[in-house]
C-alpha atoms as a PDB file:
ATOM      1  CA  MET A   1      96.225  91.299 102.160  1.00  0.00           C
ATOM      2  CA  LEU A   2      94.934  94.420 100.232  1.00  0.00           C
ATOM      3  CA  ARG A   3      91.582  95.830 100.327  1.00  0.00           C
ATOM      4  CA  GLY A   4      91.512  96.417  96.560  1.00  0.00           C
ATOM      5  CA  ALA A   5      90.931  92.879  95.870  1.00  0.00           C
ATOM      6  CA  LEU A   6      87.649  90.987  96.540  1.00  0.00           C
ATOM      7  CA  ARG A   7      87.558  89.480  99.940  1.00  0.00           C
ATOM      8  CA  ILE A   8      84.583  87.738 101.601  1.00  0.00           C
ATOM      9  CA  VAL A   9      84.652  88.671 105.217  1.00  0.00           C
ATOM     10  CA  ASN A  10      82.021  87.525 107.993  1.00  0.00           C
ATOM     11  CA  SER A  11      80.189  90.736 109.379  1.00  0.00           C
ATOM     12  CA  ASP A  12      81.352  89.650 112.787  1.00  0.00           C
ATOM     13  CA  ASP A  13      84.931  89.649 111.782  1.00  0.00           C
ATOM     14  CA  TYR A  14      84.823  92.891 109.688  1.00  0.00           C
ATOM     15  CA  SER A  15      86.347  95.176 111.978  1.00  0.00           C
ATOM     16  CA  TYR A  16      89.346  92.800 112.709  1.00  0.00           C
ATOM     17  CA  TYR A  17      89.868  92.431 108.978  1.00  0.00           C
ATOM     18  CA  PHE A  18      90.315  96.246 108.584  1.00  0.00           C
ATOM     19  CA  LEU A  19      92.751  96.319 111.680  1.00  0.00           C
ATOM     20  CA  ALA A  20      94.898  93.587 110.086  1.00  0.00           C
ATOM     21  CA  THR A  21      95.113  95.491 106.934  1.00  0.00           C
ATOM     22  CA  ARG A  22      95.503  98.994 108.236  1.00  0.00           C
ATOM     23  CA  SER A  23      99.328  98.657 108.012  1.00  0.00           C
ATOM     24  CA  VAL A  24      99.082  98.260 104.275  1.00  0.00           C
ATOM     25  CA  THR A  25      96.759 101.027 103.851  1.00  0.00           C
ATOM     26  CA  ARG A  26      98.706 103.403 105.931  1.00  0.00           C
ATOM     27  CA  LYS A  27     101.361 103.044 103.337  1.00  0.00           C
ATOM     28  CA  ARG A  28      99.408 104.159 100.562  1.00  0.00           C
ATOM     29  CA  LYS A  29      99.223 108.017 100.082  1.00  0.00           C
ATOM     30  CA  TYR A  30      95.708 108.101  98.536  1.00  0.00           C
ATOM     31  CA  GLN A  31      94.191 106.256 101.548  1.00  0.00           C
ATOM     32  CA  ASN A  32      95.708 107.640 104.694  1.00  0.00           C
ATOM     33  CA  CYS A  33      94.536 105.541 107.713  1.00  0.00           C
ATOM     34  CA  PRO A  34      94.603 107.490 111.029  1.00  0.00           C
ATOM     35  CA  LEU A  35      96.470 105.877 113.882  1.00  0.00           C
ATOM     36  CA  SER A  36      93.443 106.326 116.228  1.00  0.00           C
ATOM     37  CA  LEU A  37      90.055 108.126 116.214  1.00  0.00           C
ATOM     38  CA  ASN A  38      89.892 111.583 118.081  1.00  0.00           C
ATOM     39  CA  ASP A  39      86.959 113.488 119.585  1.00  0.00           C
ATOM     40  CA  LYS A  40      86.133 114.779 116.228  1.00  0.00           C
ATOM     41  CA  HIS A  41      85.425 111.299 114.738  1.00  0.00           C
ATOM     42  CA  PHE A  42      82.864 110.373 117.320  1.00  0.00           C
ATOM     43  CA  PRO A  43      80.095 112.792 116.347  1.00  0.00           C
ATOM     44  CA  ALA A  44      80.346 111.535 112.810  1.00  0.00           C
ATOM     45  CA  LEU A  45      80.410 107.933 113.797  1.00  0.00           C
ATOM     46  CA  ASN A  46      77.307 108.631 116.104  1.00  0.00           C
ATOM     47  CA  LEU A  47      75.373 110.286 113.448  1.00  0.00           C
ATOM     48  CA  ILE A  48      75.985 107.471 110.928  1.00  0.00           C
ATOM     49  CA  HIS A  49      74.950 104.775 113.443  1.00  0.00           C
ATOM     50  CA  ALA A  50      71.832 106.871 114.577  1.00  0.00           C
ATOM     51  CA  ASN A  51      70.522 107.865 111.081  1.00  0.00           C
ATOM     52  CA  GLY A  52      71.382 104.924 108.993  1.00  0.00           C
ATOM     53  CA  PRO A  53      73.453 104.416 105.687  1.00  0.00           C
ATOM     54  CA  PHE A  54      74.399 107.677 103.918  1.00  0.00           C
ATOM     55  CA  THR A  55      76.154 108.556 100.661  1.00  0.00           C
ATOM     56  CA  LEU A  56      78.930 111.117 101.015  1.00  0.00           C
ATOM     57  CA  SER A  57      76.917 114.019  99.848  1.00  0.00           C
ATOM     58  CA  GLU A  58      73.922 113.163 102.254  1.00  0.00           C
ATOM     59  CA  PHE A  59      76.511 112.685 105.143  1.00  0.00           C
ATOM     60  CA  GLN A  60      78.130 116.111 104.626  1.00  0.00           C
ATOM     61  CA  LYS A  61      74.772 117.929 104.358  1.00  0.00           C
ATOM     62  CA  TYR A  62      73.526 116.390 107.715  1.00  0.00           C
ATOM     63  CA  PHE A  63      76.649 116.485 109.632  1.00  0.00           C
ATOM     64  CA  SER A  64      77.198 120.151 108.493  1.00  0.00           C
ATOM     65  CA  ALA A  65      73.836 121.083 109.665  1.00  0.00           C
ATOM     66  CA  LYS A  66      74.156 119.355 113.095  1.00  0.00           C
ATOM     67  CA  TYR A  67      77.809 120.320 113.676  1.00  0.00           C
ATOM     68  CA  PRO A  68      78.570 123.663 112.046  1.00  0.00           C
ATOM     69  CA  LYS A  69      81.777 124.008 113.564  1.00  0.00           C
ATOM     70  CA  LEU A  70      83.043 120.896 111.785  1.00  0.00           C
ATOM     71  CA  LYS A  71      81.720 121.570 108.359  1.00  0.00           C
ATOM     72  CA  GLY A  72      84.956 121.910 106.813  1.00  0.00           C
ATOM     73  CA  VAL A  73      86.349 118.486 107.925  1.00  0.00           C
ATOM     74  CA  ALA A  74      83.103 116.458 107.352  1.00  0.00           C
ATOM     75  CA  ARG A  75      84.439 114.841 104.164  1.00  0.00           C
ATOM     76  CA  LYS A  76      87.828 113.974 105.879  1.00  0.00           C
ATOM     77  CA  LEU A  77      86.104 112.568 109.015  1.00  0.00           C
ATOM     78  CA  PHE A  78      83.909 110.277 106.863  1.00  0.00           C
ATOM     79  CA  PHE A  79      86.683 108.972 104.985  1.00  0.00           C
ATOM     80  CA  ASP A  80      88.832 108.309 108.104  1.00  0.00           C
ATOM     81  CA  LEU A  81      85.978 106.344 109.564  1.00  0.00           C
ATOM     82  CA  TYR A  82      85.931 104.309 106.396  1.00  0.00           C
ATOM     83  CA  ASN A  83      89.745 103.715 106.172  1.00  0.00           C
ATOM     84  CA  TYR A  84      89.836 102.982 109.912  1.00  0.00           C
ATOM     85  CA  GLY A  85      87.158 100.187 109.368  1.00  0.00           C
ATOM     86  CA  LYS A  86      84.282 101.789 111.492  1.00  0.00           C
ATOM     87  CA  ILE A  87      81.945 102.028 108.445  1.00  0.00           C
ATOM     88  CA  ALA A  88      81.731 100.036 105.311  1.00  0.00           C
ATOM     89  CA  ARG A  89      80.350 100.371 101.989  1.00  0.00           C
ATOM     90  CA  MET A  90      77.009  98.528 101.629  1.00  0.00           C
ATOM     91  CA  GLY A  91      75.463  99.225  98.313  1.00  0.00           C
ATOM     92  CA  ARG A  92      74.441 101.991  96.039  1.00  0.00           C
ATOM     93  CA  LYS A  93      71.891 104.676  96.005  1.00  0.00           C
ATOM     94  CA  ASN A  94      71.266 106.694  92.819  1.00  0.00           C
ATOM     95  CA  GLN A  95      74.749 105.598  91.514  1.00  0.00           C
ATOM     96  CA  LYS A  96      76.505 106.806  94.414  1.00  0.00           C
ATOM     97  CA  PRO A  97      78.342 104.556  96.958  1.00  0.00           C
ATOM     98  CA  LEU A  98      76.235 103.956 100.174  1.00  0.00           C
ATOM     99  CA  PHE A  99      78.273 103.602 103.467  1.00  0.00           C
END
């Protein structure tokens, strides 16, 4: 199973789908999936859950303002959460993907 193909997954099973495909994703160099989340990931995840969907640029702006010490790793944390299956793409806003 690959994430690149179109798959229809029930929203309740979404996190399990990503767990099942994570081993395939880890083998790809362009999509490094972390083995587990660390303490830096949880503030990013909490910000996304509290303030709703973001584009990547919006997330970097809000995350950097709230956590200035983690400003340099905001983009990496965001993609780690996506590759780990904690957040999902849900549409578009101004021609940019919304997560």
